[in-house]
């Protein structure tokens, strides 16, 4: 299948590289080089990135933070990562627009499906930070919501493993990789792909999810060109 418009979901932790915290410049540069490669192919690309390398609301709540306040702090962390992504993409010669679920002028414009779609058609990489703009929702849910809003062909979830497994492959050497799954199969097997809210949103809107290893150089382009990479979850 050829994708025209995709949404790429990245975890904030992925930007740490080998560090314990924050943003590793080399990892950021490598990701943006891979993004550059698919944009040159004419793919319309939107990106949602988490903030776990800076602050994660759920972990903050577990340590005594007010959950609502912690979630807003997490949303701001996603904006910081989005700003870094925008700066590096522009450094590499791409046009990039930063939109946000939180109203934070002059750093980012408030997001809407119509606005994001307009910028995508104009050739911009559209980065959407600030989560959904509401507490109690993860960036998984935000990525599913934004993908549906812009009419994406697929949601690409970039992780540090090369697909969905029957168990954690980093802990269980006997874990089996799935090439394809239906949403119902993934749910019945209790596979941790995205949180349930995000998963349901994708299923109900017939939005396929492709899970792949973003840390392997040039894998993003291979995902676009070669549908055998990663794990495809669909109806």
Protein backbone atom coordinates (compact mmCIF):
# COMPACT_ATOMS: atom_id res chain seq x y z
CA UNK A 1 0.00 0.00 0.00
CA UNK A 2 1.19 3.52 -0.78
CA UNK A 3 0.58 6.08 1.94
CA UNK A 4 -0.08 9.71 1.06
CA UNK A 5 -0.62 11.17 4.52
CA UNK A 6 0.73 9.61 7.70
CA UNK A 7 0.98 10.47 11.38
CA UNK A 8 4.18 9.44 13.14
CA UNK A 9 4.01 8.88 16.90
CA UNK A 10 7.33 9.02 18.74
CA UNK A 11 8.01 8.49 22.42
CA UNK A 12 9.76 11.23 24.33
CA UNK A 13 12.11 8.65 25.84
CA UNK A 14 13.41 7.86 22.36
CA UNK A 15 15.02 11.30 22.18
CA UNK A 16 17.25 10.49 25.18
CA UNK A 17 19.49 8.21 23.14
CA UNK A 18 21.97 6.74 25.62
CA UNK A 19 21.33 9.52 28.11
CA UNK A 20 19.21 9.17 31.24
CA UNK A 21 17.27 12.38 30.66
CA UNK A 22 16.59 15.13 28.15
CA UNK A 23 17.34 15.33 24.43
CA UNK A 24 20.36 13.73 22.75
CA UNK A 25 21.35 15.97 19.79
CA UNK A 26 22.65 13.05 17.70
CA UNK A 27 19.44 11.03 18.14
CA UNK A 28 17.37 14.08 17.26
CA UNK A 29 19.49 14.70 14.16
CA UNK A 30 19.19 11.05 13.04
CA UNK A 31 15.42 11.03 13.45
CA UNK A 32 15.07 14.21 11.44
CA UNK A 33 17.29 12.82 8.66
CA UNK A 34 14.94 9.83 8.40
CA UNK A 35 11.92 12.17 8.41
CA UNK A 36 13.57 14.23 5.66
CA UNK A 37 13.90 11.10 3.51
CA UNK A 38 10.16 10.35 3.48
CA UNK A 39 9.13 13.98 3.02
CA UNK A 40 11.32 14.10 -0.10
CA UNK A 41 9.19 11.21 -1.40
CA UNK A 42 6.14 13.46 -1.26
CA UNK A 43 4.61 12.01 1.91
CA UNK A 44 2.48 14.42 3.94
CA UNK A 45 3.71 13.96 7.50
CA UNK A 46 2.33 14.95 10.89
CA UNK A 47 4.19 14.09 14.10
CA UNK A 48 3.12 13.68 17.72
CA UNK A 49 5.88 13.15 20.28
CA UNK A 50 5.62 12.30 23.96
CA UNK A 51 7.37 14.04 26.83
CA UNK A 52 8.58 11.18 29.00
CA UNK A 53 12.23 12.19 28.64
CA UNK A 54 11.38 15.35 30.58
CA UNK A 55 8.27 14.66 32.66
CA UNK A 56 5.51 12.05 32.68
CA UNK A 57 2.24 12.94 34.39
CA UNK A 58 1.40 9.43 35.59
CA UNK A 59 4.81 8.97 37.20
CA UNK A 60 4.54 12.40 38.77
CA UNK A 61 1.15 11.50 40.26
CA UNK A 62 2.65 8.31 41.71
CA UNK A 63 5.26 10.43 43.49
CA UNK A 64 2.74 12.82 44.99
CA UNK A 65 2.03 15.37 42.25
CA UNK A 66 -1.56 16.37 41.70
CA UNK A 67 -2.63 14.30 38.66
CA UNK A 68 -4.17 17.20 36.75
CA UNK A 69 -1.18 19.46 37.38
CA UNK A 70 1.18 16.62 36.50
CA UNK A 71 -0.59 15.96 33.22
CA UNK A 72 -0.31 19.62 32.22
CA UNK A 73 3.40 19.50 33.06
CA UNK A 74 3.67 16.45 30.80
CA UNK A 75 1.90 18.32 28.00
CA UNK A 76 4.38 21.16 28.29
CA UNK A 77 7.19 18.60 28.08
CA UNK A 78 5.79 17.45 24.73
CA UNK A 79 5.90 21.05 23.52
CA UNK A 80 9.59 21.30 24.44
CA UNK A 81 10.34 18.14 22.45
CA UNK A 82 8.21 19.41 19.56
CA UNK A 83 10.16 22.68 19.51
CA UNK A 84 13.44 20.76 19.37
CA UNK A 85 12.09 18.64 16.52
CA UNK A 86 10.92 21.73 14.63
CA UNK A 87 14.29 23.45 15.05
CA UNK A 88 16.25 20.44 13.76
CA UNK A 89 13.90 19.85 10.81
CA UNK A 90 14.24 23.50 9.77
CA UNK A 91 18.00 23.25 10.19
CA UNK A 92 17.90 20.39 7.68
CA UNK A 93 15.94 22.50 5.20
CA UNK A 94 12.39 21.32 5.80
CA UNK A 95 9.37 23.53 6.41
CA UNK A 96 7.86 22.68 9.80
CA UNK A 97 4.82 24.07 11.62
CA UNK A 98 4.30 23.62 15.35
CA UNK A 99 0.70 23.36 16.50
CA UNK A 100 -0.45 22.70 20.05
CA UNK A 101 -3.43 21.36 21.95
CA UNK A 102 -2.59 23.99 24.57
CA UNK A 103 -2.94 27.69 23.85
CA UNK A 104 0.68 28.89 24.09
CA UNK A 105 1.18 31.76 21.68
CA UNK A 106 3.68 32.84 20.39
CA UNK A 107 5.45 29.45 20.57
CA UNK A 108 2.81 27.47 18.68
CA UNK A 109 -0.50 27.94 16.95
CA UNK A 110 -3.57 26.27 18.43
CA UNK A 111 -4.34 23.08 16.55
CA UNK A 112 -7.34 21.96 14.53
CA UNK A 113 -7.78 19.26 11.95
CA UNK A 114 -8.52 21.81 9.25
CA UNK A 115 -5.45 23.92 10.05
CA UNK A 116 -3.15 20.90 10.19
CA UNK A 117 -4.50 19.59 6.88
CA UNK A 118 -3.96 22.98 5.24
CA UNK A 119 -0.31 23.08 6.30
CA UNK A 120 0.24 19.49 5.20
CA UNK A 121 -1.06 20.33 1.73
CA UNK A 122 1.32 23.32 1.70
CA UNK A 123 4.28 20.96 2.18
CA UNK A 124 4.96 21.52 5.88
CA UNK A 125 5.83 18.82 8.36
CA UNK A 126 3.19 19.42 11.02
CA UNK A 127 4.27 18.77 14.61
CA UNK A 128 1.41 18.70 17.11
CA UNK A 129 2.41 19.13 20.75
CA UNK A 130 0.44 19.71 23.92
CA UNK A 131 -1.33 16.35 23.90
CA UNK A 132 -5.10 16.63 23.57
CA UNK A 133 -5.00 19.79 25.67
CA UNK A 134 -6.78 17.94 28.47
CA UNK A 135 -5.54 15.98 31.51
CA UNK A 136 -6.13 12.21 31.85
CA UNK A 137 -5.28 11.54 28.18
CA UNK A 138 -1.96 10.15 26.96
CA UNK A 139 0.04 11.15 23.89
CA UNK A 140 -1.04 7.80 22.43
CA UNK A 141 -4.61 9.08 22.54
CA UNK A 142 -3.48 12.46 21.21
CA UNK A 143 -1.76 10.79 18.25
CA UNK A 144 -4.85 8.71 17.45
CA UNK A 145 -7.07 11.78 17.73
CA UNK A 146 -4.84 13.93 15.50
CA UNK A 147 -4.47 11.13 12.94
CA UNK A 148 -8.25 10.82 12.66
CA UNK A 149 -8.65 14.60 12.50
CA UNK A 150 -6.29 14.98 9.54
CA UNK A 151 -7.57 11.89 7.72
CA UNK A 152 -4.23 10.05 7.90
CA UNK A 153 -3.89 6.83 5.95
CA UNK A 154 -2.04 5.18 8.82
CA UNK A 155 -0.62 5.83 12.29
CA UNK A 156 3.06 4.86 12.47
CA UNK A 157 4.23 4.13 16.00
CA UNK A 158 8.01 4.34 16.23
CA UNK A 159 9.42 2.32 19.12
CA UNK A 160 12.68 0.67 20.11
CA UNK A 161 11.50 -2.82 19.11
CA UNK A 162 10.72 -4.03 15.58
CA UNK A 163 7.03 -4.77 16.06
CA UNK A 164 4.45 -6.29 18.40
CA UNK A 165 5.41 -9.44 20.30
CA UNK A 166 3.54 -12.00 22.38
CA UNK A 167 5.63 -10.83 25.36
CA UNK A 168 8.30 -8.24 26.03
CA UNK A 169 11.17 -9.33 23.71
CA UNK A 170 13.67 -7.48 25.90
CA UNK A 171 12.72 -9.75 28.82
CA UNK A 172 11.47 -12.96 27.18
CA UNK A 173 13.74 -14.57 24.55
CA UNK A 174 10.86 -16.84 23.48
CA UNK A 175 8.54 -13.96 22.60
CA UNK A 176 6.93 -14.32 19.17
CA UNK A 177 6.64 -11.42 16.75
CA UNK A 178 3.35 -10.78 14.94
CA UNK A 179 3.43 -9.58 11.34
CA UNK A 180 -0.25 -8.63 11.26
CA UNK A 181 -2.99 -8.44 13.87
CA UNK A 182 -6.61 -7.40 13.93
CA UNK A 183 -7.68 -4.93 16.61
CA UNK A 184 -9.84 -7.65 18.16
CA UNK A 185 -6.95 -10.13 18.26
CA UNK A 186 -4.67 -7.57 19.91
CA UNK A 187 -7.36 -6.81 22.47
CA UNK A 188 -8.11 -10.50 23.19
CA UNK A 189 -4.39 -11.21 23.65
CA UNK A 190 -4.02 -8.15 25.95
CA UNK A 191 -1.11 -6.87 23.86
CA UNK A 192 0.26 -3.50 24.95
CA UNK A 193 0.32 -1.53 21.71
CA UNK A 194 -1.34 1.74 22.69
CA UNK A 195 -3.59 2.66 25.58
CA UNK A 196 -7.17 1.45 25.30
CA UNK A 197 -8.65 4.87 24.52
CA UNK A 198 -6.26 5.38 21.60
CA UNK A 199 -6.72 1.80 20.43
CA UNK A 200 -10.50 2.10 20.41
CA UNK A 201 -10.35 5.41 18.56
CA UNK A 202 -8.26 3.81 15.82
CA UNK A 203 -10.49 0.74 15.59
CA UNK A 204 -13.73 2.72 15.38
CA UNK A 205 -12.32 5.01 12.68
CA UNK A 206 -10.70 2.20 10.68
CA UNK A 207 -7.24 3.73 11.15
CA UNK A 208 -4.48 1.09 10.89
CA UNK A 209 -1.49 1.20 13.24
CA UNK A 210 1.98 0.09 12.19
CA UNK A 211 4.49 -0.53 14.98
CA UNK A 212 8.17 -0.51 13.97
CA UNK A 213 11.69 0.13 15.23
CA UNK A 214 12.43 3.84 14.78
CA UNK A 215 15.94 3.44 16.19
CA UNK A 216 17.16 1.47 13.17
CA UNK A 217 18.51 3.92 10.61
CA UNK A 218 16.32 4.40 7.50
CA UNK A 219 13.56 2.17 8.90
CA UNK A 220 11.01 4.96 8.54
CA UNK A 221 11.53 5.04 4.77
CA UNK A 222 11.40 1.23 4.65
CA UNK A 223 8.06 1.27 6.47
CA UNK A 224 6.66 3.55 3.78
CA UNK A 225 8.10 1.51 0.91
CA UNK A 226 8.03 -2.03 2.33
CA UNK A 227 4.91 -3.18 4.14
CA UNK A 228 6.67 -6.27 5.53
CA UNK A 229 8.48 -4.28 8.21
CA UNK A 230 7.02 -4.06 11.70
CA UNK A 231 3.55 -5.17 12.79
CA UNK A 232 0.38 -3.95 11.11
CA UNK A 233 -2.76 -3.74 13.26
CA UNK A 234 -6.00 -3.15 11.40
CA UNK A 235 -9.64 -4.13 11.13
